[in-house]
Each structure stands twice: as structure tokens, then as C-alpha cells.
Amino acid sequence: MRAPKSAPAQPGSAGAPDTAGRPSDRAAAWQAWGVIVGIGVDLVDIARLDQALRRTPALAARLFTEGERNAPPASLAACFAAKEAVAKALGAPPGLRWADVEIVHDQAGRPGLTVRGTVADAARGLGVRRWHVSLTHDGGVSVAVVVAEA
């Protein structure tokens, strides 16, 4: 089965070339110009992480920054999933420290991340300039998706 042919973009419509063959300004407003360096995704069982943190209290200091430690279990699991996803987006180089990634939220509550130390060094080596992160939790699990962009 053949896909229907699409009509060529009309001049002045989003994405239509101008008279010089360049995308219009409207197209440039939504166009992504970065290059994806890596994508990572991870899923964490909330109860399992919570039990591990209760069983081994020193684990929290190894996994989380001071600003993350007081979060509820589902949020801690999402933070840990994001840290794992960052490592995957970077190609899982050896020597990364979990606390060198911090999950932060803006005034609207949107998640982001800050990197330092071992993680910042690995990201810089790959040319990462921007991070995108999405977190969710439901049904006893937390999930994070991270995109590293140059």
C-alpha cells in the first residue's frame, strides 16, 4: 500500500522555504538544532529502593545529594532512575559518582539536572551542553528518560 503524496509546503507556511530556499522564521522557531549525544532510560522499583535505604542508611549519602535525600520514596526512586539514565546517555563510562548528578526542579515543578565532578567531566568529553529529563512514577515503579544534547 502506498502512502498518499503530500502537497508541497506553500510559501509562508511553517517549514516552507522562503524564496532563497531556506526554512521560514516560523519553522526555525520550533526547529531543534542540537545533536543528540545519548539517550538513557531506567526503571526503579520504589519499594525495593526504599527497603535498601532503610537497611543500609549510609547508602543514601552515596546515591543522593543532600538536597535530594528528604524526598519521599517515589521521588527518590525517580531521582535514582534519572542518575542511571544519565550514565546510560553518556555510554556508562567507569568511575561516575551517583552524587555528581542532582535532580532539580524549576519554579513550575519541571525536572532538570545538574552535573558536576565525574559526570560533568564525562559529559564535557562528549560535548554535552544541554540535558532533557522526564520523570514519572506509578504502580510501584519510577521511570526516568534522559537526553544528552550537544
Protein backbone atom coordinates (compact mmCIF):
# COMPACT_ATOMS: atom_id res chain seq x y z
CA MET A 1 0.00 0.00 0.00
CA ARG A 2 1.40 3.38 -0.94
CA ALA A 3 1.35 6.38 1.32
CA PRO A 4 -0.54 9.33 -0.16
CA LYS A 5 1.62 12.01 -1.68
CA SER A 6 1.77 15.16 0.37
CA ALA A 7 1.39 18.53 -1.21
CA PRO A 8 4.48 20.71 -1.24
CA ALA A 9 4.64 23.30 1.52
CA GLN A 10 3.21 26.63 0.47
CA PRO A 11 5.43 29.70 0.79
CA GLY A 12 4.78 31.40 4.11
CA SER A 13 3.55 28.22 5.85
CA ALA A 14 5.56 26.77 8.73
CA GLY A 15 8.53 24.93 7.31
CA ALA A 16 8.04 26.23 3.79
CA PRO A 17 11.19 27.54 2.19
CA ASP A 18 11.50 31.25 1.51
CA THR A 19 12.45 32.48 -1.95
CA ALA A 20 16.10 31.61 -1.26
CA GLY A 21 15.21 28.01 -0.30
CA ARG A 22 15.78 28.50 3.46
CA PRO A 23 13.19 27.44 6.09
CA SER A 24 10.96 30.33 7.13
CA ASP A 25 11.41 32.05 10.50
CA ARG A 26 8.28 30.30 11.75
CA ALA A 27 9.89 26.94 11.01
CA ALA A 28 13.08 27.96 12.80
CA ALA A 29 11.11 28.74 15.96
CA TRP A 30 10.33 25.04 16.52
CA GLN A 31 13.31 23.51 14.76
CA ALA A 32 15.77 21.68 17.02
CA TRP A 33 19.35 22.45 16.08
CA GLY A 34 21.18 20.39 18.70
CA VAL A 35 22.61 16.95 18.19
CA ILE A 36 21.59 14.10 20.47
CA VAL A 37 24.70 12.63 22.04
CA GLY A 38 22.88 9.94 24.01
CA ILE A 39 19.57 8.78 25.42
CA GLY A 40 19.09 6.86 28.64
CA VAL A 41 16.05 5.32 30.31
CA ASP A 42 15.73 3.48 33.61
CA LEU A 43 13.01 2.00 35.81
CA VAL A 44 13.29 1.57 39.61
CA ASP A 45 11.06 -0.46 41.92
CA ILE A 46 10.08 2.06 44.62
CA ALA A 47 9.63 -0.44 47.48
CA ARG A 48 12.91 -2.21 46.69
CA LEU A 49 14.91 1.05 46.79
CA ASP A 50 13.12 2.16 49.97
CA GLN A 51 13.97 -1.15 51.67
CA ALA A 52 17.62 -0.88 50.61
CA LEU A 53 17.84 2.66 52.04
CA ARG A 54 16.27 1.55 55.34
CA ARG A 55 18.55 -1.50 55.57
CA THR A 56 21.72 0.47 54.73
CA PRO A 57 21.38 4.11 55.89
CA ALA A 58 24.83 5.08 54.52
CA LEU A 59 23.59 4.23 51.03
CA ALA A 60 21.60 7.48 50.83
CA ALA A 61 24.78 9.57 51.10
CA ARG A 62 26.39 7.58 48.26
CA LEU A 63 23.39 7.81 45.94
CA PHE A 64 21.82 11.19 46.64
CA THR A 65 22.86 14.78 47.20
CA GLU A 66 21.90 16.50 50.41
CA GLY A 67 19.12 18.34 48.58
CA GLU A 68 17.59 15.09 47.31
CA ARG A 69 17.68 12.96 50.48
CA ASN A 70 14.49 14.23 52.15
CA ALA A 71 12.25 13.40 49.19
CA PRO A 72 9.53 10.74 49.53
CA PRO A 73 10.37 7.18 48.35
CA ALA A 74 8.74 7.53 44.91
CA SER A 75 10.70 10.72 44.22
CA LEU A 76 13.95 9.15 45.45
CA ALA A 77 13.35 6.24 43.10
CA ALA A 78 12.76 8.68 40.22
CA CYS A 79 16.00 10.50 41.14
CA PHE A 80 17.93 7.25 41.11
CA ALA A 81 16.36 6.22 37.80
CA ALA A 82 17.45 9.58 36.34
CA LYS A 83 21.02 9.07 37.57
CA GLU A 84 21.09 5.64 35.91
CA ALA A 85 19.62 7.15 32.74
CA VAL A 86 22.33 9.85 32.72
CA ALA A 87 25.01 7.15 32.94
CA LYS A 88 23.40 5.30 30.02
CA ALA A 89 23.13 8.51 27.96
CA LEU A 90 26.88 9.01 28.50
CA GLY A 91 27.69 5.44 27.44
CA ALA A 92 28.19 4.20 31.03
CA PRO A 93 31.82 5.30 31.45
CA PRO A 94 33.52 3.83 34.54
CA GLY A 95 34.07 5.94 37.63
CA LEU A 96 30.87 8.01 37.68
CA ARG A 97 29.71 9.06 41.15
CA TRP A 98 25.94 8.99 41.76
CA ALA A 99 26.04 12.19 43.82
CA ASP A 100 27.64 14.03 40.87
CA VAL A 101 24.15 14.17 39.33
CA GLU A 102 21.47 16.16 41.15
CA ILE A 103 17.83 16.23 40.15
CA VAL A 104 16.41 19.74 40.49
CA HIS A 105 13.01 21.28 39.75
CA ASP A 106 12.20 24.72 38.38
CA GLN A 107 9.51 27.01 39.81
CA ALA A 108 6.85 25.25 37.73
CA GLY A 109 7.96 21.85 39.07
CA ARG A 110 9.60 20.68 35.83
CA PRO A 111 12.56 18.38 36.48
CA GLY A 112 16.07 19.13 35.34
CA LEU A 113 19.50 18.04 36.38
CA THR A 114 22.79 19.50 37.45
CA VAL A 115 26.06 17.65 36.87
CA ARG A 116 29.45 18.13 38.50
CA GLY A 117 32.67 16.23 39.08
CA THR A 118 32.96 12.87 37.33
CA VAL A 119 29.69 13.24 35.44
CA ALA A 120 30.46 16.78 34.26
CA ASP A 121 33.88 15.61 33.04
CA ALA A 122 32.35 12.71 31.07
CA ALA A 123 29.67 14.99 29.60
CA ARG A 124 32.21 17.64 28.61
CA GLY A 125 34.30 14.97 26.88
CA LEU A 126 31.30 14.07 24.72
CA GLY A 127 30.36 17.69 24.05
CA VAL A 128 27.12 17.62 26.05
CA ARG A 129 25.76 21.14 26.51
CA ARG A 130 22.15 20.53 27.48
CA TRP A 131 20.12 17.89 29.30
CA HIS A 132 16.45 16.95 28.97
CA VAL A 133 14.80 14.84 31.68
CA SER A 134 11.37 13.35 32.23
CA LEU A 135 10.33 11.56 35.44
CA THR A 136 7.22 9.64 36.40
CA HIS A 137 6.06 7.14 38.99
CA ASP A 138 3.01 4.91 39.13
CA GLY A 139 2.14 1.33 40.00
CA GLY A 140 5.10 0.93 42.35
CA VAL A 141 7.79 1.96 39.87
CA SER A 142 9.58 5.17 38.94
CA VAL A 143 10.83 5.83 35.42
CA ALA A 144 13.26 8.40 34.03
CA VAL A 145 14.21 9.32 30.47
CA VAL A 146 17.27 11.49 29.89
CA VAL A 147 18.52 13.01 26.64
CA ALA A 148 22.04 14.47 26.39
CA GLU A 149 22.34 17.11 23.68
CA ALA A 150 25.41 18.75 22.16
